[in-house]
Each structure stands twice: as structure tokens, then as C-alpha cells.
Full PDB file with SEQRES, HELIX, SHEET, SSBOND, CRYST1, ORIGX, SCALE, CONECT and MASTER records, all heavy atoms in Angstrom:
SEQRES   1 A   34  ILE MET ASP ASN SER GLY CYS PHE MET GLU ASN PRO THR          
SEQRES   2 A   34  LEU GLU ASP LEU LEU LYS THR ASP SER GLU MET ARG ILE          
SEQRES   3 A   34  LYS ALA GLN GLU TRP ILE ASP ASN                              
HELIX    1 AA1 LEU A   14  ASP A   33  1                                  20    
CRYST1    1.000    1.000    1.000  90.00  90.00  90.00 P 1           1          
ORIGX1      1.000000  0.000000  0.000000        0.00000                         
ORIGX2      0.000000  1.000000  0.000000        0.00000                         
ORIGX3      0.000000  0.000000  1.000000        0.00000                         
SCALE1      1.000000  0.000000  0.000000        0.00000                         
SCALE2      0.000000  1.000000  0.000000        0.00000                         
SCALE3      0.000000  0.000000  1.000000        0.00000                         
ATOM      1  N   ILE A   1     -18.112  15.987  31.010  1.00  0.00           N  
ATOM      2  CA  ILE A   1     -17.910  17.263  31.701  1.00  0.00           C  
ATOM      3  C   ILE A   1     -19.147  17.620  32.528  1.00  0.00           C  
ATOM      4  O   ILE A   1     -19.033  18.053  33.679  1.00  0.00           O  
ATOM      5  CB  ILE A   1     -17.583  18.385  30.692  1.00  0.00           C  
ATOM      6  CG1 ILE A   1     -16.279  18.079  29.933  1.00  0.00           C  
ATOM      7  CG2 ILE A   1     -17.510  19.742  31.380  1.00  0.00           C  
ATOM      8  CD1 ILE A   1     -15.055  17.848  30.799  1.00  0.00           C  
ATOM      9  N   MET A   2     -20.329  17.412  31.951  1.00  0.00           N  
ATOM     10  CA  MET A   2     -21.567  17.702  32.690  1.00  0.00           C  
ATOM     11  C   MET A   2     -21.682  16.823  33.937  1.00  0.00           C  
ATOM     12  O   MET A   2     -22.022  17.300  35.012  1.00  0.00           O  
ATOM     13  CB  MET A   2     -22.788  17.478  31.797  1.00  0.00           C  
ATOM     14  CG  MET A   2     -22.886  18.399  30.596  1.00  0.00           C  
ATOM     15  SD  MET A   2     -23.495  20.030  30.969  1.00  0.00           S  
ATOM     16  CE  MET A   2     -25.121  19.673  31.549  1.00  0.00           C  
ATOM     17  N   ASP A   3     -21.390  15.532  33.784  1.00  0.00           N  
ATOM     18  CA  ASP A   3     -21.521  14.590  34.903  1.00  0.00           C  
ATOM     19  C   ASP A   3     -20.512  14.844  36.012  1.00  0.00           C  
ATOM     20  O   ASP A   3     -20.788  14.583  37.175  1.00  0.00           O  
ATOM     21  CB  ASP A   3     -21.357  13.147  34.408  1.00  0.00           C  
ATOM     22  CG  ASP A   3     -22.524  12.678  33.569  1.00  0.00           C  
ATOM     23  OD1 ASP A   3     -23.594  13.325  33.590  1.00  0.00           O  
ATOM     24  OD2 ASP A   3     -22.351  11.661  32.861  1.00  0.00           O  
ATOM     25  N   ASN A   4     -19.329  15.338  35.649  1.00  0.00           N  
ATOM     26  CA  ASN A   4     -18.251  15.470  36.623  1.00  0.00           C  
ATOM     27  C   ASN A   4     -17.943  16.907  37.019  1.00  0.00           C  
ATOM     28  O   ASN A   4     -16.935  17.153  37.675  1.00  0.00           O  
ATOM     29  CB  ASN A   4     -16.986  14.800  36.079  1.00  0.00           C  
ATOM     30  CG  ASN A   4     -17.176  13.313  35.919  1.00  0.00           C  
ATOM     31  OD1 ASN A   4     -17.508  12.616  36.869  1.00  0.00           O  
ATOM     32  ND2 ASN A   4     -17.014  12.815  34.704  1.00  0.00           N  
ATOM     33  N   SER A   5     -18.783  17.826  36.637  1.00  0.00           N  
ATOM     34  CA  SER A   5     -18.484  19.234  36.924  1.00  0.00           C  
ATOM     35  C   SER A   5     -18.639  19.570  38.401  1.00  0.00           C  
ATOM     36  O   SER A   5     -17.915  20.397  38.930  1.00  0.00           O  
ATOM     37  CB  SER A   5     -19.378  20.150  36.096  1.00  0.00           C  
ATOM     38  OG  SER A   5     -20.715  20.042  36.530  1.00  0.00           O  
ATOM     39  N   GLY A   6     -19.608  18.948  39.059  1.00  0.00           N  
ATOM     40  CA  GLY A   6     -19.835  19.229  40.468  1.00  0.00           C  
ATOM     41  C   GLY A   6     -20.316  20.646  40.730  1.00  0.00           C  
ATOM     42  O   GLY A   6     -20.263  21.117  41.850  1.00  0.00           O  
ATOM     43  N   CYS A   7     -20.763  21.326  39.694  1.00  0.00           N  
ATOM     44  CA  CYS A   7     -21.191  22.719  39.825  1.00  0.00           C  
ATOM     45  C   CYS A   7     -22.687  22.846  39.627  1.00  0.00           C  
ATOM     46  O   CYS A   7     -23.232  22.319  38.679  1.00  0.00           O  
ATOM     47  CB  CYS A   7     -20.528  23.586  38.761  1.00  0.00           C  
ATOM     48  SG  CYS A   7     -18.770  23.784  38.923  1.00  0.00           S  
ATOM     49  N   PHE A   8     -23.313  23.530  40.518  1.00  0.00           N  
ATOM     50  CA  PHE A   8     -24.664  24.014  40.299  1.00  0.00           C  
ATOM     51  C   PHE A   8     -24.862  25.214  41.194  1.00  0.00           C  
ATOM     52  O   PHE A   8     -24.649  25.141  42.401  1.00  0.00           O  
ATOM     53  CB  PHE A   8     -25.748  22.984  40.600  1.00  0.00           C  
ATOM     54  CG  PHE A   8     -27.125  23.571  40.421  1.00  0.00           C  
ATOM     55  CD1 PHE A   8     -27.642  23.747  39.155  1.00  0.00           C  
ATOM     56  CD2 PHE A   8     -27.858  23.997  41.515  1.00  0.00           C  
ATOM     57  CE1 PHE A   8     -28.897  24.335  38.984  1.00  0.00           C  
ATOM     58  CE2 PHE A   8     -29.110  24.580  41.352  1.00  0.00           C  
ATOM     59  CZ  PHE A   8     -29.629  24.748  40.078  1.00  0.00           C  
ATOM     60  N   MET A   9     -25.219  26.309  40.576  1.00  0.00           N  
ATOM     61  CA  MET A   9     -25.502  27.536  41.314  1.00  0.00           C  
ATOM     62  C   MET A   9     -26.889  28.004  40.913  1.00  0.00           C  
ATOM     63  O   MET A   9     -27.175  28.145  39.729  1.00  0.00           O  
ATOM     64  CB  MET A   9     -24.477  28.608  40.976  1.00  0.00           C  
ATOM     65  CG  MET A   9     -23.093  28.296  41.409  1.00  0.00           C  
ATOM     66  SD  MET A   9     -22.002  29.626  40.880  1.00  0.00           S  
ATOM     67  CE  MET A   9     -20.479  28.725  40.785  1.00  0.00           C  
ATOM     68  N   GLU A  10     -27.719  28.251  41.903  1.00  0.00           N  
ATOM     69  CA  GLU A  10     -29.085  28.651  41.599  1.00  0.00           C  
ATOM     70  C   GLU A  10     -29.159  30.042  40.981  1.00  0.00           C  
ATOM     71  O   GLU A  10     -29.902  30.276  40.039  1.00  0.00           O  
ATOM     72  CB  GLU A  10     -29.950  28.589  42.850  1.00  0.00           C  
ATOM     73  CG  GLU A  10     -31.410  28.698  42.514  1.00  0.00           C  
ATOM     74  CD  GLU A  10     -32.284  28.125  43.597  1.00  0.00           C  
ATOM     75  OE1 GLU A  10     -31.880  27.154  44.251  1.00  0.00           O  
ATOM     76  OE2 GLU A  10     -33.375  28.678  43.773  1.00  0.00           O  
ATOM     77  N   ASN A  11     -28.382  30.959  41.476  1.00  0.00           N  
ATOM     78  CA  ASN A  11     -28.389  32.336  40.961  1.00  0.00           C  
ATOM     79  C   ASN A  11     -26.957  32.824  40.746  1.00  0.00           C  
ATOM     80  O   ASN A  11     -26.464  33.680  41.485  1.00  0.00           O  
ATOM     81  CB  ASN A  11     -29.122  33.271  41.929  1.00  0.00           C  
ATOM     82  CG  ASN A  11     -30.584  32.930  42.052  1.00  0.00           C  
ATOM     83  OD1 ASN A  11     -31.275  32.860  41.043  1.00  0.00           O  
ATOM     84  ND2 ASN A  11     -31.051  32.704  43.270  1.00  0.00           N  
ATOM     85  N   PRO A  12     -26.277  32.308  39.730  1.00  0.00           N  
ATOM     86  CA  PRO A  12     -24.874  32.691  39.526  1.00  0.00           C  
ATOM     87  C   PRO A  12     -24.737  34.143  39.071  1.00  0.00           C  
ATOM     88  O   PRO A  12     -25.586  34.669  38.365  1.00  0.00           O  
ATOM     89  CB  PRO A  12     -24.404  31.740  38.437  1.00  0.00           C  
ATOM     90  CG  PRO A  12     -25.643  31.392  37.683  1.00  0.00           C  
ATOM     91  CD  PRO A  12     -26.738  31.385  38.703  1.00  0.00           C  
ATOM     92  N   THR A  13     -23.653  34.747  39.488  1.00  0.00           N  
ATOM     93  CA  THR A  13     -23.317  36.094  39.025  1.00  0.00           C  
ATOM     94  C   THR A  13     -22.568  35.966  37.701  1.00  0.00           C  
ATOM     95  O   THR A  13     -22.154  34.864  37.308  1.00  0.00           O  
ATOM     96  CB  THR A  13     -22.408  36.810  40.032  1.00  0.00           C  
ATOM     97  OG1 THR A  13     -21.157  36.099  40.106  1.00  0.00           O  
ATOM     98  CG2 THR A  13     -23.049  36.886  41.415  1.00  0.00           C  
ATOM     99  N   LEU A  14     -22.362  37.068  37.034  1.00  0.00           N  
ATOM    100  CA  LEU A  14     -21.579  37.053  35.800  1.00  0.00           C  
ATOM    101  C   LEU A  14     -20.177  36.531  36.078  1.00  0.00           C  
ATOM    102  O   LEU A  14     -19.638  35.738  35.307  1.00  0.00           O  
ATOM    103  CB  LEU A  14     -21.518  38.449  35.183  1.00  0.00           C  
ATOM    104  CG  LEU A  14     -20.661  38.580  33.922  1.00  0.00           C  
ATOM    105  CD1 LEU A  14     -21.157  37.626  32.828  1.00  0.00           C  
ATOM    106  CD2 LEU A  14     -20.651  40.009  33.438  1.00  0.00           C  
ATOM    107  N   GLU A  15     -19.599  36.929  37.181  1.00  0.00           N  
ATOM    108  CA  GLU A  15     -18.267  36.451  37.570  1.00  0.00           C  
ATOM    109  C   GLU A  15     -18.279  34.930  37.744  1.00  0.00           C  
ATOM    110  O   GLU A  15     -17.350  34.246  37.305  1.00  0.00           O  
ATOM    111  CB  GLU A  15     -17.809  37.131  38.862  1.00  0.00           C  
ATOM    112  CG  GLU A  15     -16.408  36.725  39.287  1.00  0.00           C  
ATOM    113  CD  GLU A  15     -15.956  37.443  40.550  1.00  0.00           C  
ATOM    114  OE1 GLU A  15     -16.104  38.682  40.624  1.00  0.00           O  
ATOM    115  OE2 GLU A  15     -15.458  36.747  41.462  1.00  0.00           O  
ATOM    116  N   ASP A  16     -19.313  34.389  38.379  1.00  0.00           N  
ATOM    117  CA  ASP A  16     -19.441  32.938  38.544  1.00  0.00           C  
ATOM    118  C   ASP A  16     -19.491  32.238  37.189  1.00  0.00           C  
ATOM    119  O   ASP A  16     -18.847  31.211  36.984  1.00  0.00           O  
ATOM    120  CB  ASP A  16     -20.714  32.578  39.320  1.00  0.00           C  
ATOM    121  CG  ASP A  16     -20.685  33.028  40.763  1.00  0.00           C  
ATOM    122  OD1 ASP A  16     -19.594  33.121  41.358  1.00  0.00           O  
ATOM    123  OD2 ASP A  16     -21.792  33.294  41.304  1.00  0.00           O  
ATOM    124  N   LEU A  17     -20.272  32.790  36.273  1.00  0.00           N  
ATOM    125  CA  LEU A  17     -20.418  32.179  34.947  1.00  0.00           C  
ATOM    126  C   LEU A  17     -19.111  32.209  34.172  1.00  0.00           C  
ATOM    127  O   LEU A  17     -18.737  31.220  33.526  1.00  0.00           O  
ATOM    128  CB  LEU A  17     -21.519  32.882  34.158  1.00  0.00           C  
ATOM    129  CG  LEU A  17     -22.927  32.705  34.696  1.00  0.00           C  
ATOM    130  CD1 LEU A  17     -23.892  33.604  33.955  1.00  0.00           C  
ATOM    131  CD2 LEU A  17     -23.366  31.248  34.626  1.00  0.00           C  
ATOM    132  N   LEU A  18     -18.412  33.323  34.228  1.00  0.00           N  
ATOM    133  CA  LEU A  18     -17.135  33.426  33.520  1.00  0.00           C  
ATOM    134  C   LEU A  18     -16.099  32.459  34.096  1.00  0.00           C  
ATOM    135  O   LEU A  18     -15.345  31.826  33.353  1.00  0.00           O  
ATOM    136  CB  LEU A  18     -16.619  34.865  33.560  1.00  0.00           C  
ATOM    137  CG  LEU A  18     -17.459  35.884  32.790  1.00  0.00           C  
ATOM    138  CD1 LEU A  18     -16.961  37.303  33.060  1.00  0.00           C  
ATOM    139  CD2 LEU A  18     -17.469  35.573  31.299  1.00  0.00           C  
ATOM    140  N   LYS A  19     -16.074  32.339  35.408  1.00  0.00           N  
ATOM    141  CA  LYS A  19     -15.142  31.413  36.058  1.00  0.00           C  
ATOM    142  C   LYS A  19     -15.490  29.966  35.701  1.00  0.00           C  
ATOM    143  O   LYS A  19     -14.615  29.173  35.371  1.00  0.00           O  
ATOM    144  CB  LYS A  19     -15.184  31.595  37.583  1.00  0.00           C  
ATOM    145  CG  LYS A  19     -14.234  30.700  38.320  1.00  0.00           C  
ATOM    146  CD  LYS A  19     -14.302  30.944  39.819  1.00  0.00           C  
ATOM    147  CE  LYS A  19     -13.383  29.970  40.531  1.00  0.00           C  
ATOM    148  NZ  LYS A  19     -13.557  29.997  41.977  1.00  0.00           N  
ATOM    149  N   THR A  20     -16.775  29.626  35.742  1.00  0.00           N  
ATOM    150  CA  THR A  20     -17.217  28.278  35.394  1.00  0.00           C  
ATOM    151  C   THR A  20     -16.884  27.962  33.950  1.00  0.00           C  
ATOM    152  O   THR A  20     -16.380  26.880  33.635  1.00  0.00           O  
ATOM    153  CB  THR A  20     -18.730  28.124  35.639  1.00  0.00           C  
ATOM    154  OG1 THR A  20     -18.988  28.330  37.032  1.00  0.00           O  
ATOM    155  CG2 THR A  20     -19.226  26.749  35.232  1.00  0.00           C  
ATOM    156  N   ASP A  21     -17.146  28.906  33.050  1.00  0.00           N  
ATOM    157  CA  ASP A  21     -16.833  28.716  31.641  1.00  0.00           C  
ATOM    158  C   ASP A  21     -15.347  28.396  31.458  1.00  0.00           C  
ATOM    159  O   ASP A  21     -14.989  27.429  30.784  1.00  0.00           O  
ATOM    160  CB  ASP A  21     -17.208  29.964  30.847  1.00  0.00           C  
ATOM    161  CG  ASP A  21     -16.880  29.835  29.376  1.00  0.00           C  
ATOM    162  OD1 ASP A  21     -17.679  29.208  28.647  1.00  0.00           O  
ATOM    163  OD2 ASP A  21     -15.824  30.350  28.962  1.00  0.00           O  
ATOM    164  N   SER A  22     -14.510  29.172  32.068  1.00  0.00           N  
ATOM    165  CA  SER A  22     -13.067  28.979  31.953  1.00  0.00           C  
ATOM    166  C   SER A  22     -12.638  27.617  32.511  1.00  0.00           C  
ATOM    167  O   SER A  22     -11.866  26.882  31.876  1.00  0.00           O  
ATOM    168  CB  SER A  22     -12.331  30.098  32.692  1.00  0.00           C  
ATOM    169  OG  SER A  22     -10.949  29.908  32.639  1.00  0.00           O  
ATOM    170  N   GLU A  23     -13.134  27.268  33.679  1.00  0.00           N  
ATOM    171  CA  GLU A  23     -12.781  25.994  34.312  1.00  0.00           C  
ATOM    172  C   GLU A  23     -13.243  24.797  33.472  1.00  0.00           C  
ATOM    173  O   GLU A  23     -12.533  23.807  33.331  1.00  0.00           O  
ATOM    174  CB  GLU A  23     -13.371  25.911  35.709  1.00  0.00           C  
ATOM    175  CG  GLU A  23     -12.717  26.848  36.698  1.00  0.00           C  
ATOM    176  CD  GLU A  23     -13.420  26.896  38.041  1.00  0.00           C  
ATOM    177  OE1 GLU A  23     -14.476  26.238  38.215  1.00  0.00           O  
ATOM    178  OE2 GLU A  23     -12.913  27.602  38.930  1.00  0.00           O  
ATOM    179  N   MET A  24     -14.432  24.886  32.906  1.00  0.00           N  
ATOM    180  CA  MET A  24     -14.967  23.767  32.115  1.00  0.00           C  
ATOM    181  C   MET A  24     -14.245  23.617  30.790  1.00  0.00           C  
ATOM    182  O   MET A  24     -14.066  22.511  30.292  1.00  0.00           O  
ATOM    183  CB  MET A  24     -16.472  23.925  31.895  1.00  0.00           C  
ATOM    184  CG  MET A  24     -17.287  23.844  33.178  1.00  0.00           C  
ATOM    185  SD  MET A  24     -16.970  22.362  34.177  1.00  0.00           S  
ATOM    186  CE  MET A  24     -16.304  23.097  35.668  1.00  0.00           C  
ATOM    187  N   ARG A  25     -13.792  24.718  30.211  1.00  0.00           N  
ATOM    188  CA  ARG A  25     -12.992  24.641  28.992  1.00  0.00           C  
ATOM    189  C   ARG A  25     -11.675  23.917  29.271  1.00  0.00           C  
ATOM    190  O   ARG A  25     -11.211  23.114  28.472  1.00  0.00           O  
ATOM    191  CB  ARG A  25     -12.741  26.028  28.415  1.00  0.00           C  
ATOM    192  CG  ARG A  25     -13.983  26.631  27.796  1.00  0.00           C  
ATOM    193  CD  ARG A  25     -13.773  28.080  27.382  1.00  0.00           C  
ATOM    194  NE  ARG A  25     -15.021  28.668  26.949  1.00  0.00           N  
ATOM    195  CZ  ARG A  25     -15.464  28.650  25.695  1.00  0.00           C  
ATOM    196  NH1 ARG A  25     -14.728  28.095  24.750  1.00  0.00           N  
ATOM    197  NH2 ARG A  25     -16.623  29.194  25.384  1.00  0.00           N  
ATOM    198  N   ILE A  26     -11.081  24.197  30.419  1.00  0.00           N  
ATOM    199  CA  ILE A  26      -9.839  23.524  30.808  1.00  0.00           C  
ATOM    200  C   ILE A  26     -10.098  22.032  31.000  1.00  0.00           C  
ATOM    201  O   ILE A  26      -9.342  21.192  30.506  1.00  0.00           O  
ATOM    202  CB  ILE A  26      -9.243  24.163  32.079  1.00  0.00           C  
ATOM    203  CG1 ILE A  26      -8.737  25.573  31.760  1.00  0.00           C  
ATOM    204  CG2 ILE A  26      -8.150  23.286  32.675  1.00  0.00           C  
ATOM    205  CD1 ILE A  26      -8.396  26.407  32.982  1.00  0.00           C  
ATOM    206  N   LYS A  27     -11.196  21.679  31.698  1.00  0.00           N  
ATOM    207  CA  LYS A  27     -11.518  20.269  31.916  1.00  0.00           C  
ATOM    208  C   LYS A  27     -11.797  19.556  30.595  1.00  0.00           C  
ATOM    209  O   LYS A  27     -11.394  18.409  30.411  1.00  0.00           O  
ATOM    210  CB  LYS A  27     -12.723  20.130  32.855  1.00  0.00           C  
ATOM    211  CG  LYS A  27     -12.396  20.459  34.283  1.00  0.00           C  
ATOM    212  CD  LYS A  27     -13.600  20.237  35.185  1.00  0.00           C  
ATOM    213  CE  LYS A  27     -13.270  20.661  36.581  1.00  0.00           C  
ATOM    214  NZ  LYS A  27     -13.444  19.621  37.546  1.00  0.00           N  
ATOM    215  N   ALA A  28     -12.475  20.227  29.692  1.00  0.00           N  
ATOM    216  CA  ALA A  28     -12.761  19.624  28.385  1.00  0.00           C  
ATOM    217  C   ALA A  28     -11.467  19.373  27.624  1.00  0.00           C  
ATOM    218  O   ALA A  28     -11.287  18.309  27.010  1.00  0.00           O  
ATOM    219  CB  ALA A  28     -13.696  20.517  27.582  1.00  0.00           C  
ATOM    220  N   GLN A  29     -10.565  20.318  27.672  1.00  0.00           N  
ATOM    221  CA  GLN A  29      -9.285  20.135  26.982  1.00  0.00           C  
ATOM    222  C   GLN A  29      -8.482  19.010  27.626  1.00  0.00           C  
ATOM    223  O   GLN A  29      -7.835  18.225  26.932  1.00  0.00           O  
ATOM    224  CB  GLN A  29      -8.475  21.436  26.989  1.00  0.00           C  
ATOM    225  CG  GLN A  29      -7.236  21.371  26.128  1.00  0.00           C  
ATOM    226  CD  GLN A  29      -7.535  21.067  24.672  1.00  0.00           C  
ATOM    227  OE1 GLN A  29      -8.312  21.776  24.028  1.00  0.00           O  
ATOM    228  NE2 GLN A  29      -6.954  20.014  24.144  1.00  0.00           N  
ATOM    229  N   GLU A  30      -8.529  18.892  28.940  1.00  0.00           N  
ATOM    230  CA  GLU A  30      -7.851  17.792  29.633  1.00  0.00           C  
ATOM    231  C   GLU A  30      -8.436  16.453  29.205  1.00  0.00           C  
ATOM    232  O   GLU A  30      -7.704  15.481  29.015  1.00  0.00           O  
ATOM    233  CB  GLU A  30      -7.955  17.965  31.150  1.00  0.00           C  
ATOM    234  CG  GLU A  30      -7.105  19.099  31.679  1.00  0.00           C  
ATOM    235  CD  GLU A  30      -7.368  19.413  33.145  1.00  0.00           C  
ATOM    236  OE1 GLU A  30      -8.336  18.885  33.746  1.00  0.00           O  
ATOM    237  OE2 GLU A  30      -6.594  20.220  33.699  1.00  0.00           O  
ATOM    238  N   TRP A  31      -9.765  16.377  29.047  1.00  0.00           N  
ATOM    239  CA  TRP A  31     -10.424  15.151  28.587  1.00  0.00           C  
ATOM    240  C   TRP A  31      -9.890  14.773  27.213  1.00  0.00           C  
ATOM    241  O   TRP A  31      -9.560  13.610  26.973  1.00  0.00           O  
ATOM    242  CB  TRP A  31     -11.936  15.363  28.547  1.00  0.00           C  
ATOM    243  CG  TRP A  31     -12.735  14.140  28.243  1.00  0.00           C  
ATOM    244  CD1 TRP A  31     -13.275  13.276  29.146  1.00  0.00           C  
ATOM    245  CD2 TRP A  31     -13.106  13.633  26.953  1.00  0.00           C  
ATOM    246  NE1 TRP A  31     -13.955  12.271  28.494  1.00  0.00           N  
ATOM    247  CE2 TRP A  31     -13.866  12.468  27.150  1.00  0.00           C  
ATOM    248  CE3 TRP A  31     -12.857  14.062  25.642  1.00  0.00           C  
ATOM    249  CZ2 TRP A  31     -14.378  11.722  26.095  1.00  0.00           C  
ATOM    250  CZ3 TRP A  31     -13.368  13.325  24.593  1.00  0.00           C  
ATOM    251  CH2 TRP A  31     -14.123  12.165  24.817  1.00  0.00           C  
ATOM    252  N   ILE A  32      -9.776  15.746  26.338  1.00  0.00           N  
ATOM    253  CA  ILE A  32      -9.259  15.495  24.985  1.00  0.00           C  
ATOM    254  C   ILE A  32      -7.813  15.048  25.048  1.00  0.00           C  
ATOM    255  O   ILE A  32      -7.420  14.078  24.396  1.00  0.00           O  
ATOM    256  CB  ILE A  32      -9.418  16.761  24.111  1.00  0.00           C  
ATOM    257  CG1 ILE A  32     -10.904  17.023  23.864  1.00  0.00           C  
ATOM    258  CG2 ILE A  32      -8.655  16.616  22.816  1.00  0.00           C  
ATOM    259  CD1 ILE A  32     -11.205  18.415  23.348  1.00  0.00           C  
ATOM    260  N   ASP A  33      -7.006  15.739  25.830  1.00  0.00           N  
ATOM    261  CA  ASP A  33      -5.586  15.380  25.955  1.00  0.00           C  
ATOM    262  C   ASP A  33      -5.420  13.966  26.493  1.00  0.00           C  
ATOM    263  O   ASP A  33      -4.577  13.202  26.015  1.00  0.00           O  
ATOM    264  CB  ASP A  33      -4.860  16.374  26.843  1.00  0.00           C  
ATOM    265  CG  ASP A  33      -4.762  17.762  26.225  1.00  0.00           C  
ATOM    266  OD1 ASP A  33      -4.988  17.913  25.006  1.00  0.00           O  
ATOM    267  OD2 ASP A  33      -4.499  18.719  26.992  1.00  0.00           O  
ATOM    268  N   ASN A  34      -6.230  13.567  27.485  1.00  0.00           N  
ATOM    269  CA  ASN A  34      -6.153  12.223  28.050  1.00  0.00           C  
ATOM    270  C   ASN A  34      -6.612  11.169  27.047  1.00  0.00           C  
ATOM    271  O   ASN A  34      -6.078  10.074  27.026  1.00  0.00           O  
ATOM    272  CB  ASN A  34      -6.989  12.131  29.328  1.00  0.00           C  
ATOM    273  CG  ASN A  34      -6.353  12.856  30.483  1.00  0.00           C  
ATOM    274  OD1 ASN A  34      -5.151  13.045  30.534  1.00  0.00           O  
ATOM    275  ND2 ASN A  34      -7.171  13.315  31.406  1.00  0.00           N  
TER     276      ASN A  34                                                      
MASTER        0    0    0    1    0    0    0    6  275    1    0    3          
END                                                                             
């Protein structure tokens, strides 16, 4: 997930962090499902 996230924000807002958290949880679950 870290290698394939494609995300880096120097100064993320709370909204950015919440969105990233949600998206990465989905990707992690997809990894498990696959």
C-alpha cells in the first residue's frame, strides 16, 4: 500500500487526511481480497 499509494502531500488538510485514510483502507481491503 505504501509503495503503490502515489500520495504525498506536504501540508495536508484534515479533509485530505480523512480522504487518504478512507482510500487506503479500501486499497488494503482489496489487497486482502485479491
